[in-house]
PDB file of all heavy atoms in Angstrom:
ATOM      1  N   ASP A   1       0.864  -1.168  -0.035  1.00  0.00           N
ATOM      2  CA  ASP A   1      -0.026   0.010   0.068  1.00  0.00           C
ATOM      3  C   ASP A   1       0.865   1.215  -0.012  1.00  0.00           C
ATOM      4  O   ASP A   1       1.619   1.444   0.967  1.00  0.00           O
ATOM      5  CB  ASP A   1      -0.923   0.030   1.200  1.00  0.00           C
ATOM      6  CG  ASP A   1      -2.020   1.045   1.139  1.00  0.00           C
ATOM      7  OD1 ASP A   1      -1.887   1.900   0.265  1.00  0.00           O
ATOM      8  OD2 ASP A   1      -2.866   1.042   2.022  1.00  0.00           O
ATOM      9  N   PRO A   2       0.770   2.042  -1.096  1.00  0.00           N
ATOM     10  CA  PRO A   2       1.639   3.236  -1.141  1.00  0.00           C
ATOM     11  C   PRO A   2       1.196   4.303  -0.171  1.00  0.00           C
ATOM     12  O   PRO A   2       1.839   5.291   0.027  1.00  0.00           O
ATOM     13  CB  PRO A   2       1.511   3.659  -2.622  1.00  0.00           C
ATOM     14  CG  PRO A   2       0.153   3.224  -2.997  1.00  0.00           C
ATOM     15  CD  PRO A   2      -0.031   1.826  -2.238  1.00  0.00           C
ATOM     16  N   ARG A   3      -0.039   4.244   0.313  1.00  0.00           N
ATOM     17  CA  ARG A   3      -0.525   5.218   1.260  1.00  0.00           C
ATOM     18  C   ARG A   3      -0.350   4.888   2.652  1.00  0.00           C
ATOM     19  O   ARG A   3      -0.636   3.834   3.223  1.00  0.00           O
ATOM     20  CB  ARG A   3      -2.050   5.401   1.006  1.00  0.00           C
ATOM     21  CG  ARG A   3      -2.748   6.440   1.866  1.00  0.00           C
ATOM     22  CD  ARG A   3      -4.218   6.461   1.509  1.00  0.00           C
ATOM     23  NE  ARG A   3      -4.968   7.327   2.440  1.00  0.00           N
ATOM     24  CZ  ARG A   3      -6.171   7.509   2.444  1.00  0.00           C
ATOM     25  NH1 ARG A   3      -6.931   7.025   1.354  1.00  0.00           N
ATOM     26  NH2 ARG A   3      -6.800   8.246   3.353  1.00  0.00           N
ATOM     27  N   GLU A   4       0.363   5.853   3.448  1.00  0.00           N
ATOM     28  CA  GLU A   4       0.634   5.557   4.799  1.00  0.00           C
ATOM     29  C   GLU A   4      -0.637   5.581   5.650  1.00  0.00           C
ATOM     30  O   GLU A   4      -1.533   6.398   5.445  1.00  0.00           O
ATOM     31  CB  GLU A   4       1.633   6.611   5.369  1.00  0.00           C
ATOM     32  CG  GLU A   4       2.999   6.483   4.744  1.00  0.00           C
ATOM     33  CD  GLU A   4       3.747   5.288   5.484  1.00  0.00           C
ATOM     34  OE1 GLU A   4       3.486   4.945   6.518  1.00  0.00           O
ATOM     35  OE2 GLU A   4       4.619   4.737   4.773  1.00  0.00           O
ATOM     36  N   ASN A   5      -0.771   4.773   6.651  1.00  0.00           N
ATOM     37  CA  ASN A   5      -1.833   4.805   7.729  1.00  0.00           C
ATOM     38  C   ASN A   5      -3.173   4.887   7.157  1.00  0.00           C
ATOM     39  O   ASN A   5      -4.003   5.530   7.604  1.00  0.00           O
ATOM     40  CB  ASN A   5      -1.577   6.038   8.625  1.00  0.00           C
ATOM     41  CG  ASN A   5      -0.198   6.077   9.289  1.00  0.00           C
ATOM     42  OD1 ASN A   5       0.243   4.943   9.753  1.00  0.00           O
ATOM     43  ND2 ASN A   5       0.503   7.118   9.261  1.00  0.00           N
ATOM     44  N   ARG A   6      -3.501   3.931   6.079  1.00  0.00           N
ATOM     45  CA  ARG A   6      -4.792   3.875   5.670  1.00  0.00           C
ATOM     46  C   ARG A   6      -5.830   3.288   6.698  1.00  0.00           C
ATOM     47  O   ARG A   6      -5.419   2.197   7.237  1.00  0.00           O
ATOM     48  CB  ARG A   6      -4.775   2.965   4.328  1.00  0.00           C
ATOM     49  CG  ARG A   6      -6.195   2.920   3.657  1.00  0.00           C
ATOM     50  CD  ARG A   6      -6.178   1.885   2.571  1.00  0.00           C
ATOM     51  NE  ARG A   6      -5.171   2.077   1.574  1.00  0.00           N
ATOM     52  CZ  ARG A   6      -5.477   2.838   0.465  1.00  0.00           C
ATOM     53  NH1 ARG A   6      -6.572   3.299   0.210  1.00  0.00           N
ATOM     54  NH2 ARG A   6      -4.509   3.054  -0.470  1.00  0.00           N
ATOM     55  N   LYS A   7      -6.823   3.867   6.982  1.00  0.00           N
ATOM     56  CA  LYS A   7      -7.758   3.434   7.947  1.00  0.00           C
ATOM     57  C   LYS A   7      -9.072   3.684   7.517  1.00  0.00           C
ATOM     58  O   LYS A   7      -9.550   4.707   7.049  1.00  0.00           O
ATOM     59  CB  LYS A   7      -7.486   4.056   9.306  1.00  0.00           C
ATOM     60  CG  LYS A   7      -8.325   3.523  10.433  1.00  0.00           C
ATOM     61  CD  LYS A   7      -8.118   4.245  11.740  1.00  0.00           C
ATOM     62  CE  LYS A   7      -8.955   3.773  12.849  1.00  0.00           C
ATOM     63  NZ  LYS A   7      -8.872   4.551  14.098  1.00  0.00           N
ATOM     64  N   PHE A   8     -10.047   2.608   7.731  1.00  0.00           N
ATOM     65  CA  PHE A   8     -11.410   2.812   7.458  1.00  0.00           C
ATOM     66  C   PHE A   8     -12.191   3.290   8.525  1.00  0.00           C
ATOM     67  O   PHE A   8     -11.967   2.851   9.700  1.00  0.00           O
ATOM     68  CB  PHE A   8     -12.031   1.498   6.870  1.00  0.00           C
ATOM     69  CG  PHE A   8     -11.667   1.060   5.508  1.00  0.00           C
ATOM     70  CD1 PHE A   8     -10.371   0.777   5.148  1.00  0.00           C
ATOM     71  CD2 PHE A   8     -12.550   0.850   4.515  1.00  0.00           C
ATOM     72  CE1 PHE A   8     -10.005   0.319   3.805  1.00  0.00           C
ATOM     73  CE2 PHE A   8     -12.197   0.581   3.171  1.00  0.00           C
ATOM     74  CZ  PHE A   8     -10.958   0.336   2.913  1.00  0.00           C
ATOM     75  N   ASN A   9     -13.191   4.217   8.279  1.00  0.00           N
ATOM     76  CA  ASN A   9     -13.987   4.691   9.301  1.00  0.00           C
ATOM     77  C   ASN A   9     -15.333   3.776   9.225  1.00  0.00           C
ATOM     78  O   ASN A   9     -16.041   3.843   8.261  1.00  0.00           O
ATOM     79  CB  ASN A   9     -14.341   6.067   9.041  1.00  0.00           C
ATOM     80  CG  ASN A   9     -15.312   6.757  10.052  1.00  0.00           C
ATOM     81  OD1 ASN A   9     -16.220   6.119  10.519  1.00  0.00           O
ATOM     82  ND2 ASN A   9     -15.100   8.023  10.358  1.00  0.00           N
ATOM     83  N   MET A  10     -15.472   3.006  10.285  1.00  0.00           N
ATOM     84  CA  MET A  10     -16.450   1.968  10.296  1.00  0.00           C
ATOM     85  C   MET A  10     -17.922   2.503  10.156  1.00  0.00           C
ATOM     86  O   MET A  10     -18.799   1.960   9.559  1.00  0.00           O
ATOM     87  CB  MET A  10     -16.487   1.158  11.580  1.00  0.00           C
ATOM     88  CG  MET A  10     -15.244   0.285  11.718  1.00  0.00           C
ATOM     89  SD  MET A  10     -15.005  -0.905  10.435  1.00  0.00           S
ATOM     90  CE  MET A  10     -13.580  -0.156   9.639  1.00  0.00           C
ATOM     91  N   ILE A  11     -18.190   3.651  10.813  1.00  0.00           N
ATOM     92  CA  ILE A  11     -19.490   4.312  10.753  1.00  0.00           C
ATOM     93  C   ILE A  11     -19.716   4.944   9.343  1.00  0.00           C
ATOM     94  O   ILE A  11     -20.830   4.674   8.740  1.00  0.00           O
ATOM     95  CB  ILE A  11     -19.593   5.391  11.815  1.00  0.00           C
ATOM     96  CG1 ILE A  11     -19.271   4.818  13.243  1.00  0.00           C
ATOM     97  CG2 ILE A  11     -21.043   5.891  11.796  1.00  0.00           C
ATOM     98  CD1 ILE A  11     -20.001   3.470  13.543  1.00  0.00           C
ATOM     99  N   LYS A  12     -18.743   5.613   8.806  1.00  0.00           N
ATOM    100  CA  LYS A  12     -18.916   6.205   7.489  1.00  0.00           C
ATOM    101  C   LYS A  12     -19.072   5.127   6.508  1.00  0.00           C
ATOM    102  O   LYS A  12     -20.044   5.256   5.526  1.00  0.00           O
ATOM    103  CB  LYS A  12     -17.826   7.053   7.077  1.00  0.00           C
ATOM    104  CG  LYS A  12     -17.944   7.742   5.698  1.00  0.00           C
ATOM    105  CD  LYS A  12     -16.662   8.636   5.351  1.00  0.00           C
ATOM    106  CE  LYS A  12     -16.967   9.364   4.030  1.00  0.00           C
ATOM    107  NZ  LYS A  12     -17.267   8.371   2.935  1.00  0.00           N
ATOM    108  N   GLN A  13     -18.331   4.017   6.594  1.00  0.00           N
ATOM    109  CA  GLN A  13     -18.428   2.901   5.684  1.00  0.00           C
ATOM    110  C   GLN A  13     -19.865   2.333   5.731  1.00  0.00           C
ATOM    111  O   GLN A  13     -20.455   1.976   4.845  1.00  0.00           O
ATOM    112  CB  GLN A  13     -17.391   1.886   5.878  1.00  0.00           C
ATOM    113  CG  GLN A  13     -16.024   2.336   5.525  1.00  0.00           C
ATOM    114  CD  GLN A  13     -15.695   2.234   4.035  1.00  0.00           C
ATOM    115  OE1 GLN A  13     -15.906   1.132   3.430  1.00  0.00           O
ATOM    116  NE2 GLN A  13     -15.312   3.274   3.376  1.00  0.00           N
ATOM    117  N   GLY A  14     -20.354   2.056   6.987  1.00  0.00           N
ATOM    118  CA  GLY A  14     -21.659   1.563   7.065  1.00  0.00           C
ATOM    119  C   GLY A  14     -22.692   2.472   6.441  1.00  0.00           C
ATOM    120  O   GLY A  14     -23.626   2.001   5.804  1.00  0.00           O
ATOM    121  N   LEU A  15     -22.678   3.721   6.638  1.00  0.00           N
ATOM    122  CA  LEU A  15     -23.531   4.602   6.227  1.00  0.00           C
ATOM    123  C   LEU A  15     -23.402   4.751   4.568  1.00  0.00           C
ATOM    124  O   LEU A  15     -24.487   4.806   3.956  1.00  0.00           O
ATOM    125  CB  LEU A  15     -23.358   6.122   6.793  1.00  0.00           C
ATOM    126  CG  LEU A  15     -23.627   6.205   8.214  1.00  0.00           C
ATOM    127  CD1 LEU A  15     -23.122   7.538   8.640  1.00  0.00           C
ATOM    128  CD2 LEU A  15     -25.085   5.953   8.506  1.00  0.00           C
ATOM    129  N   ASP A  16     -22.279   4.567   4.125  1.00  0.00           N
ATOM    130  CA  ASP A  16     -21.968   4.668   2.655  1.00  0.00           C
ATOM    131  C   ASP A  16     -22.579   3.465   1.880  1.00  0.00           C
ATOM    132  O   ASP A  16     -23.105   3.554   0.787  1.00  0.00           O
ATOM    133  CB  ASP A  16     -20.585   4.832   2.293  1.00  0.00           C
ATOM    134  CG  ASP A  16     -20.041   6.281   2.533  1.00  0.00           C
ATOM    135  OD1 ASP A  16     -20.980   7.199   2.671  1.00  0.00           O
ATOM    136  OD2 ASP A  16     -18.888   6.518   2.342  1.00  0.00           O
ATOM    137  N   TYR A  17     -22.407   2.293   2.543  1.00  0.00           N
ATOM    138  CA  TYR A  17     -22.645   1.095   1.769  1.00  0.00           C
ATOM    139  C   TYR A  17     -23.818   0.281   2.310  1.00  0.00           C
ATOM    140  O   TYR A  17     -24.273  -0.773   1.691  1.00  0.00           O
ATOM    141  CB  TYR A  17     -21.404   0.131   1.670  1.00  0.00           C
ATOM    142  CG  TYR A  17     -20.307   0.879   0.906  1.00  0.00           C
ATOM    143  CD1 TYR A  17     -19.251   1.643   1.616  1.00  0.00           C
ATOM    144  CD2 TYR A  17     -20.257   0.885  -0.410  1.00  0.00           C
ATOM    145  CE1 TYR A  17     -18.340   2.258   0.907  1.00  0.00           C
ATOM    146  CE2 TYR A  17     -19.416   1.608  -1.116  1.00  0.00           C
ATOM    147  CZ  TYR A  17     -18.352   2.278  -0.491  1.00  0.00           C
ATOM    148  OH  TYR A  17     -17.372   3.007  -1.234  1.00  0.00           O
ATOM    149  N   ASP A  18     -24.414   0.715   3.425  1.00  0.00           N
ATOM    150  CA  ASP A  18     -25.551   0.007   4.001  1.00  0.00           C
ATOM    151  C   ASP A  18     -26.500   1.238   4.560  1.00  0.00           C
ATOM    152  O   ASP A  18     -26.809   1.149   5.761  1.00  0.00           O
ATOM    153  CB  ASP A  18     -25.180  -0.986   5.077  1.00  0.00           C
ATOM    154  CG  ASP A  18     -26.399  -1.818   5.593  1.00  0.00           C
ATOM    155  OD1 ASP A  18     -27.381  -2.019   4.795  1.00  0.00           O
ATOM    156  OD2 ASP A  18     -26.354  -2.128   6.737  1.00  0.00           O
ATOM    157  N   ASN A  19     -26.845   2.167   3.663  1.00  0.00           N
ATOM    158  CA  ASN A  19     -27.354   3.322   4.154  1.00  0.00           C
ATOM    159  C   ASN A  19     -28.641   3.203   4.932  1.00  0.00           C
ATOM    160  O   ASN A  19     -28.994   4.039   5.769  1.00  0.00           O
ATOM    161  CB  ASN A  19     -27.462   4.431   3.088  1.00  0.00           C
ATOM    162  CG  ASN A  19     -28.156   3.886   1.917  1.00  0.00           C
ATOM    163  OD1 ASN A  19     -28.947   2.824   1.887  1.00  0.00           O
ATOM    164  ND2 ASN A  19     -28.081   4.547   0.820  1.00  0.00           N
ATOM    165  N   ASN A  20     -29.427   2.212   4.701  1.00  0.00           N
ATOM    166  CA  ASN A  20     -30.678   2.021   5.413  1.00  0.00           C
ATOM    167  C   ASN A  20     -30.627   0.967   6.447  1.00  0.00           C
ATOM    168  O   ASN A  20     -31.620   0.611   7.172  1.00  0.00           O
ATOM    169  CB  ASN A  20     -31.903   1.956   4.557  1.00  0.00           C
ATOM    170  CG  ASN A  20     -31.707   0.526   3.731  1.00  0.00           C
ATOM    171  OD1 ASN A  20     -30.678  -0.126   3.872  1.00  0.00           O
ATOM    172  ND2 ASN A  20     -32.708   0.309   2.757  1.00  0.00           N
ATOM    173  N   GLY A  21     -29.453   0.406   6.628  1.00  0.00           N
ATOM    174  CA  GLY A  21     -29.142  -0.702   7.639  1.00  0.00           C
ATOM    175  C   GLY A  21     -29.700  -2.012   7.305  1.00  0.00           C
ATOM    176  O   GLY A  21     -29.783  -2.897   8.179  1.00  0.00           O
ATOM    177  N   GLU A  22     -30.191  -2.279   5.991  1.00  0.00           N
ATOM    178  CA  GLU A  22     -30.766  -3.506   5.689  1.00  0.00           C
ATOM    179  C   GLU A  22     -29.672  -4.695   5.834  1.00  0.00           C
ATOM    180  O   GLU A  22     -30.198  -5.743   6.442  1.00  0.00           O
ATOM    181  CB  GLU A  22     -31.097  -3.607   4.209  1.00  0.00           C
ATOM    182  CG  GLU A  22     -31.722  -4.721   3.673  1.00  0.00           C
ATOM    183  CD  GLU A  22     -32.160  -4.681   2.236  1.00  0.00           C
ATOM    184  OE1 GLU A  22     -31.660  -3.750   1.503  1.00  0.00           O
ATOM    185  OE2 GLU A  22     -32.796  -5.635   1.653  1.00  0.00           O
ATOM    186  N   TYR A  23     -28.561  -4.493   5.574  1.00  0.00           N
ATOM    187  CA  TYR A  23     -27.438  -5.538   5.720  1.00  0.00           C
ATOM    188  C   TYR A  23     -27.299  -5.919   7.134  1.00  0.00           C
ATOM    189  O   TYR A  23     -27.198  -7.042   7.544  1.00  0.00           O
ATOM    190  CB  TYR A  23     -26.259  -5.141   4.933  1.00  0.00           C
ATOM    191  CG  TYR A  23     -25.127  -6.184   5.264  1.00  0.00           C
ATOM    192  CD1 TYR A  23     -25.067  -7.387   4.563  1.00  0.00           C
ATOM    193  CD2 TYR A  23     -24.013  -5.830   6.064  1.00  0.00           C
ATOM    194  CE1 TYR A  23     -24.093  -8.338   4.768  1.00  0.00           C
ATOM    195  CE2 TYR A  23     -23.043  -6.760   6.270  1.00  0.00           C
ATOM    196  CZ  TYR A  23     -23.075  -8.043   5.635  1.00  0.00           C
ATOM    197  OH  TYR A  23     -22.065  -8.873   5.855  1.00  0.00           O
ATOM    198  N   VAL A  24     -27.130  -4.859   8.011  1.00  0.00           N
ATOM    199  CA  VAL A  24     -26.877  -5.088   9.431  1.00  0.00           C
ATOM    200  C   VAL A  24     -28.050  -5.873  10.027  1.00  0.00           C
ATOM    201  O   VAL A  24     -27.868  -6.832  10.807  1.00  0.00           O
ATOM    202  CB  VAL A  24     -26.596  -3.821  10.176  1.00  0.00           C
ATOM    203  CG1 VAL A  24     -26.727  -4.029  11.678  1.00  0.00           C
ATOM    204  CG2 VAL A  24     -25.247  -3.227   9.847  1.00  0.00           C
ATOM    205  N   ARG A  25     -29.283  -5.430   9.730  1.00  0.00           N
ATOM    206  CA  ARG A  25     -30.416  -6.130  10.396  1.00  0.00           C
ATOM    207  C   ARG A  25     -30.545  -7.643   9.818  1.00  0.00           C
ATOM    208  O   ARG A  25     -31.108  -8.322  10.546  1.00  0.00           O
ATOM    209  CB  ARG A  25     -31.703  -5.316  10.057  1.00  0.00           C
ATOM    210  CG  ARG A  25     -31.863  -4.039  10.884  1.00  0.00           C
ATOM    211  CD  ARG A  25     -33.230  -3.411  10.692  1.00  0.00           C
ATOM    212  NE  ARG A  25     -33.263  -2.727   9.326  1.00  0.00           N
ATOM    213  CZ  ARG A  25     -32.796  -1.502   9.101  1.00  0.00           C
ATOM    214  NH1 ARG A  25     -32.279  -0.799  10.029  1.00  0.00           N
ATOM    215  NH2 ARG A  25     -32.925  -1.022   7.911  1.00  0.00           N
ATOM    216  N   LEU A  26     -30.051  -7.875   8.616  1.00  0.00           N
ATOM    217  CA  LEU A  26     -30.156  -9.228   8.039  1.00  0.00           C
ATOM    218  C   LEU A  26     -29.239 -10.165   8.928  1.00  0.00           C
ATOM    219  O   LEU A  26     -29.745 -11.318   9.249  1.00  0.00           O
ATOM    220  CB  LEU A  26     -29.607  -9.208   6.618  1.00  0.00           C
ATOM    221  CG  LEU A  26     -29.631 -10.523   5.949  1.00  0.00           C
ATOM    222  CD1 LEU A  26     -31.071 -11.034   5.739  1.00  0.00           C
ATOM    223  CD2 LEU A  26     -28.892 -10.493   4.584  1.00  0.00           C
ATOM    224  N   TRP A  27     -28.083  -9.698   9.418  1.00  0.00           N
ATOM    225  CA  TRP A  27     -27.165 -10.509  10.060  1.00  0.00           C
ATOM    226  C   TRP A  27     -27.050 -10.352  11.541  1.00  0.00           C
ATOM    227  O   TRP A  27     -26.505 -11.135  12.281  1.00  0.00           O
ATOM    228  CB  TRP A  27     -25.785 -10.358   9.510  1.00  0.00           C
ATOM    229  CG  TRP A  27     -25.728 -10.970   8.064  1.00  0.00           C
ATOM    230  CD1 TRP A  27     -25.794 -10.280   6.846  1.00  0.00           C
ATOM    231  CD2 TRP A  27     -25.747 -12.369   7.707  1.00  0.00           C
ATOM    232  NE1 TRP A  27     -25.699 -11.194   5.859  1.00  0.00           N
ATOM    233  CE2 TRP A  27     -25.694 -12.467   6.377  1.00  0.00           C
ATOM    234  CE3 TRP A  27     -25.798 -13.538   8.535  1.00  0.00           C
ATOM    235  CZ2 TRP A  27     -25.746 -13.613   5.583  1.00  0.00           C
ATOM    236  CZ3 TRP A  27     -25.682 -14.749   7.816  1.00  0.00           C
ATOM    237  CH2 TRP A  27     -25.640 -14.820   6.397  1.00  0.00           C
ATOM    238  N   VAL A  28     -27.647  -9.260  12.101  1.00  0.00           N
ATOM    239  CA  VAL A  28     -27.653  -8.889  13.592  1.00  0.00           C
ATOM    240  C   VAL A  28     -29.069  -8.773  13.892  1.00  0.00           C
ATOM    241  O   VAL A  28     -29.609  -7.646  14.177  1.00  0.00           O
ATOM    242  CB  VAL A  28     -26.751  -7.661  13.839  1.00  0.00           C
ATOM    243  CG1 VAL A  28     -26.582  -7.533  15.405  1.00  0.00           C
ATOM    244  CG2 VAL A  28     -25.352  -7.881  13.212  1.00  0.00           C
ATOM    245  N   PRO A  29     -29.813  -9.912  14.098  1.00  0.00           N
ATOM    246  CA  PRO A  29     -31.208  -9.771  14.292  1.00  0.00           C
ATOM    247  C   PRO A  29     -31.619  -8.995  15.595  1.00  0.00           C
ATOM    248  O   PRO A  29     -32.670  -8.525  15.812  1.00  0.00           O
ATOM    249  CB  PRO A  29     -31.673 -11.148  14.390  1.00  0.00           C
ATOM    250  CG  PRO A  29     -30.422 -12.112  14.587  1.00  0.00           C
ATOM    251  CD  PRO A  29     -29.365 -11.261  14.019  1.00  0.00           C
ATOM    252  N   GLU A  30     -30.629  -8.925  16.581  1.00  0.00           N
ATOM    253  CA  GLU A  30     -30.853  -8.106  17.828  1.00  0.00           C
ATOM    254  C   GLU A  30     -31.233  -6.743  17.478  1.00  0.00           C
ATOM    255  O   GLU A  30     -31.873  -6.088  18.328  1.00  0.00           O
ATOM    256  CB  GLU A  30     -29.601  -8.178  18.719  1.00  0.00           C
ATOM    257  CG  GLU A  30     -29.130  -9.533  19.106  1.00  0.00           C
ATOM    258  CD  GLU A  30     -27.955  -9.972  18.136  1.00  0.00           C
ATOM    259  OE1 GLU A  30     -28.196 -10.056  16.950  1.00  0.00           O
ATOM    260  OE2 GLU A  30     -26.914 -10.138  18.724  1.00  0.00           O
ATOM    261  N   LEU A  31     -30.832  -6.207  16.360  1.00  0.00           N
ATOM    262  CA  LEU A  31     -31.086  -4.840  15.964  1.00  0.00           C
ATOM    263  C   LEU A  31     -32.203  -4.582  15.026  1.00  0.00           C
ATOM    264  O   LEU A  31     -32.329  -3.533  14.535  1.00  0.00           O
ATOM    265  CB  LEU A  31     -29.716  -4.265  15.455  1.00  0.00           C
ATOM    266  CG  LEU A  31     -28.515  -4.455  16.319  1.00  0.00           C
ATOM    267  CD1 LEU A  31     -27.219  -3.841  15.552  1.00  0.00           C
ATOM    268  CD2 LEU A  31     -28.611  -3.697  17.683  1.00  0.00           C
ATOM    269  N   GLN A  32     -32.997  -5.684  14.781  1.00  0.00           N
ATOM    270  CA  GLN A  32     -34.051  -5.522  13.716  1.00  0.00           C
ATOM    271  C   GLN A  32     -34.965  -4.491  13.964  1.00  0.00           C
ATOM    272  O   GLN A  32     -35.639  -3.955  13.086  1.00  0.00           O
ATOM    273  CB  GLN A  32     -34.772  -6.861  13.595  1.00  0.00           C
ATOM    274  CG  GLN A  32     -33.889  -7.913  12.866  1.00  0.00           C
ATOM    275  CD  GLN A  32     -34.667  -9.194  12.570  1.00  0.00           C
ATOM    276  OE1 GLN A  32     -35.710  -9.466  13.229  1.00  0.00           O
ATOM    277  NE2 GLN A  32     -34.191  -9.999  11.752  1.00  0.00           N
ATOM    278  N   ARG A  33     -35.258  -4.064  15.239  1.00  0.00           N
ATOM    279  CA  ARG A  33     -36.263  -3.135  15.492  1.00  0.00           C
ATOM    280  C   ARG A  33     -35.726  -1.598  15.519  1.00  0.00           C
ATOM    281  O   ARG A  33     -36.464  -0.643  15.767  1.00  0.00           O
ATOM    282  CB  ARG A  33     -36.870  -3.369  16.911  1.00  0.00           C
ATOM    283  CG  ARG A  33     -37.702  -4.573  16.898  1.00  0.00           C
ATOM    284  CD  ARG A  33     -38.215  -4.886  18.380  1.00  0.00           C
ATOM    285  NE  ARG A  33     -38.967  -6.017  18.456  1.00  0.00           N
ATOM    286  CZ  ARG A  33     -40.392  -5.947  18.371  1.00  0.00           C
ATOM    287  NH1 ARG A  33     -41.003  -4.948  18.141  1.00  0.00           N
ATOM    288  NH2 ARG A  33     -41.054  -7.156  18.401  1.00  0.00           N
ATOM    289  N   ILE A  34     -34.403  -1.463  15.204  1.00  0.00           N
ATOM    290  CA  ILE A  34     -33.879  -0.102  14.974  1.00  0.00           C
ATOM    291  C   ILE A  34     -33.905   0.213  13.566  1.00  0.00           C
ATOM    292  O   ILE A  34     -33.366  -0.494  12.719  1.00  0.00           O
ATOM    293  CB  ILE A  34     -32.485  -0.041  15.559  1.00  0.00           C
ATOM    294  CG1 ILE A  34     -32.434  -0.336  17.006  1.00  0.00           C
ATOM    295  CG2 ILE A  34     -31.796   1.370  15.251  1.00  0.00           C
ATOM    296  CD1 ILE A  34     -31.032  -0.307  17.608  1.00  0.00           C
ATOM    297  N   MET A  35     -34.592   1.305  13.133  1.00  0.00           N
ATOM    298  CA  MET A  35     -34.913   1.587  11.800  1.00  0.00           C
ATOM    299  C   MET A  35     -33.727   2.512  11.156  1.00  0.00           C
ATOM    300  O   MET A  35     -33.049   3.228  11.928  1.00  0.00           O
ATOM    301  CB  MET A  35     -36.163   2.351  11.637  1.00  0.00           C
ATOM    302  CG  MET A  35     -37.460   1.495  12.041  1.00  0.00           C
ATOM    303  SD  MET A  35     -37.674   0.088  11.007  1.00  0.00           S
ATOM    304  CE  MET A  35     -36.945  -1.295  11.964  1.00  0.00           C
ATOM    305  N   GLY A  36     -33.622   2.390   9.944  1.00  0.00           N
ATOM    306  CA  GLY A  36     -32.699   3.234   9.179  1.00  0.00           C
ATOM    307  C   GLY A  36     -31.246   3.186   9.585  1.00  0.00           C
ATOM    308  O   GLY A  36     -30.756   2.135  10.083  1.00  0.00           O
ATOM    309  N   ALA A  37     -30.600   4.299   9.394  1.00  0.00           N
ATOM    310  CA  ALA A  37     -29.185   4.416   9.550  1.00  0.00           C
ATOM    311  C   ALA A  37     -28.857   4.316  11.023  1.00  0.00           C
ATOM    312  O   ALA A  37     -27.679   4.149  11.394  1.00  0.00           O
ATOM    313  CB  ALA A  37     -28.601   5.701   8.947  1.00  0.00           C
ATOM    314  N   ASP A  38     -29.847   4.528  11.915  1.00  0.00           N
ATOM    315  CA  ASP A  38     -29.520   4.575  13.377  1.00  0.00           C
ATOM    316  C   ASP A  38     -28.958   3.135  13.816  1.00  0.00           C
ATOM    317  O   ASP A  38     -28.355   3.034  14.871  1.00  0.00           O
ATOM    318  CB  ASP A  38     -30.768   4.863  14.214  1.00  0.00           C
ATOM    319  CG  ASP A  38     -31.146   6.335  14.193  1.00  0.00           C
ATOM    320  OD1 ASP A  38     -30.237   7.143  13.897  1.00  0.00           O
ATOM    321  OD2 ASP A  38     -32.352   6.573  14.560  1.00  0.00           O
ATOM    322  N   VAL A  39     -29.204   2.089  13.053  1.00  0.00           N
ATOM    323  CA  VAL A  39     -28.766   0.831  13.384  1.00  0.00           C
ATOM    324  C   VAL A  39     -27.177   0.728  13.465  1.00  0.00           C
ATOM    325  O   VAL A  39     -26.624  -0.274  14.161  1.00  0.00           O
ATOM    326  CB  VAL A  39     -29.309  -0.231  12.336  1.00  0.00           C
ATOM    327  CG1 VAL A  39     -28.518  -0.146  11.010  1.00  0.00           C
ATOM    328  CG2 VAL A  39     -29.348  -1.652  12.934  1.00  0.00           C
ATOM    329  N   HIS A  40     -26.561   1.579  12.853  1.00  0.00           N
ATOM    330  CA  HIS A  40     -25.019   1.657  12.848  1.00  0.00           C
ATOM    331  C   HIS A  40     -24.442   2.150  14.117  1.00  0.00           C
ATOM    332  O   HIS A  40     -23.263   1.849  14.377  1.00  0.00           O
ATOM    333  CB  HIS A  40     -24.401   2.334  11.652  1.00  0.00           C
ATOM    334  CG  HIS A  40     -24.773   1.730  10.295  1.00  0.00           C
ATOM    335  ND1 HIS A  40     -24.203   0.466  10.006  1.00  0.00           N
ATOM    336  CD2 HIS A  40     -25.631   2.107   9.338  1.00  0.00           C
ATOM    337  CE1 HIS A  40     -24.640   0.230   8.673  1.00  0.00           C
ATOM    338  NE2 HIS A  40     -25.449   1.052   8.253  1.00  0.00           N
ATOM    339  N   THR A  41     -25.206   2.884  14.965  1.00  0.00           N
ATOM    340  CA  THR A  41     -24.692   3.399  16.205  1.00  0.00           C
ATOM    341  C   THR A  41     -25.665   3.286  17.281  1.00  0.00           C
ATOM    342  O   THR A  41     -26.087   4.361  17.888  1.00  0.00           O
ATOM    343  CB  THR A  41     -24.333   4.946  15.894  1.00  0.00           C
ATOM    344  OG1 THR A  41     -25.481   5.550  15.419  1.00  0.00           O
ATOM    345  CG2 THR A  41     -23.187   5.116  14.911  1.00  0.00           C
ATOM    346  N   PRO A  42     -26.027   2.143  17.714  1.00  0.00           N
ATOM    347  CA  PRO A  42     -27.039   1.951  18.733  1.00  0.00           C
ATOM    348  C   PRO A  42     -26.672   2.570  20.027  1.00  0.00           C
ATOM    349  O   PRO A  42     -27.569   3.025  20.792  1.00  0.00           O
ATOM    350  CB  PRO A  42     -27.248   0.396  18.812  1.00  0.00           C
ATOM    351  CG  PRO A  42     -25.960  -0.139  18.218  1.00  0.00           C
ATOM    352  CD  PRO A  42     -25.593   0.796  17.244  1.00  0.00           C
ATOM    353  N   TRP A  43     -25.381   2.631  20.316  1.00  0.00           N
ATOM    354  CA  TRP A  43     -24.971   3.157  21.691  1.00  0.00           C
ATOM    355  C   TRP A  43     -25.176   4.666  21.750  1.00  0.00           C
ATOM    356  O   TRP A  43     -25.079   5.238  22.818  1.00  0.00           O
ATOM    357  CB  TRP A  43     -23.493   2.865  21.836  1.00  0.00           C
ATOM    358  CG  TRP A  43     -22.516   3.501  20.921  1.00  0.00           C
ATOM    359  CD1 TRP A  43     -21.893   4.705  21.133  1.00  0.00           C
ATOM    360  CD2 TRP A  43     -22.013   2.993  19.680  1.00  0.00           C
ATOM    361  NE1 TRP A  43     -21.163   4.984  20.039  1.00  0.00           N
ATOM    362  CE2 TRP A  43     -21.139   4.043  19.102  1.00  0.00           C
ATOM    363  CE3 TRP A  43     -22.318   1.891  19.016  1.00  0.00           C
ATOM    364  CZ2 TRP A  43     -20.608   3.839  17.888  1.00  0.00           C
ATOM    365  CZ3 TRP A  43     -21.661   1.614  17.716  1.00  0.00           C
ATOM    366  CH2 TRP A  43     -20.802   2.622  17.201  1.00  0.00           C
TER     367      TRP A  43
END
């Protein structure tokens, strides 16, 4: 990797690629009742 200190932002990545939380709710059923993008930051 030519770029130093590459780091992914977990929250931004979740919002960018699972913007309505469908994927998270598919695999983390505990969070199924949290709607939309809020599912990425339940705390």
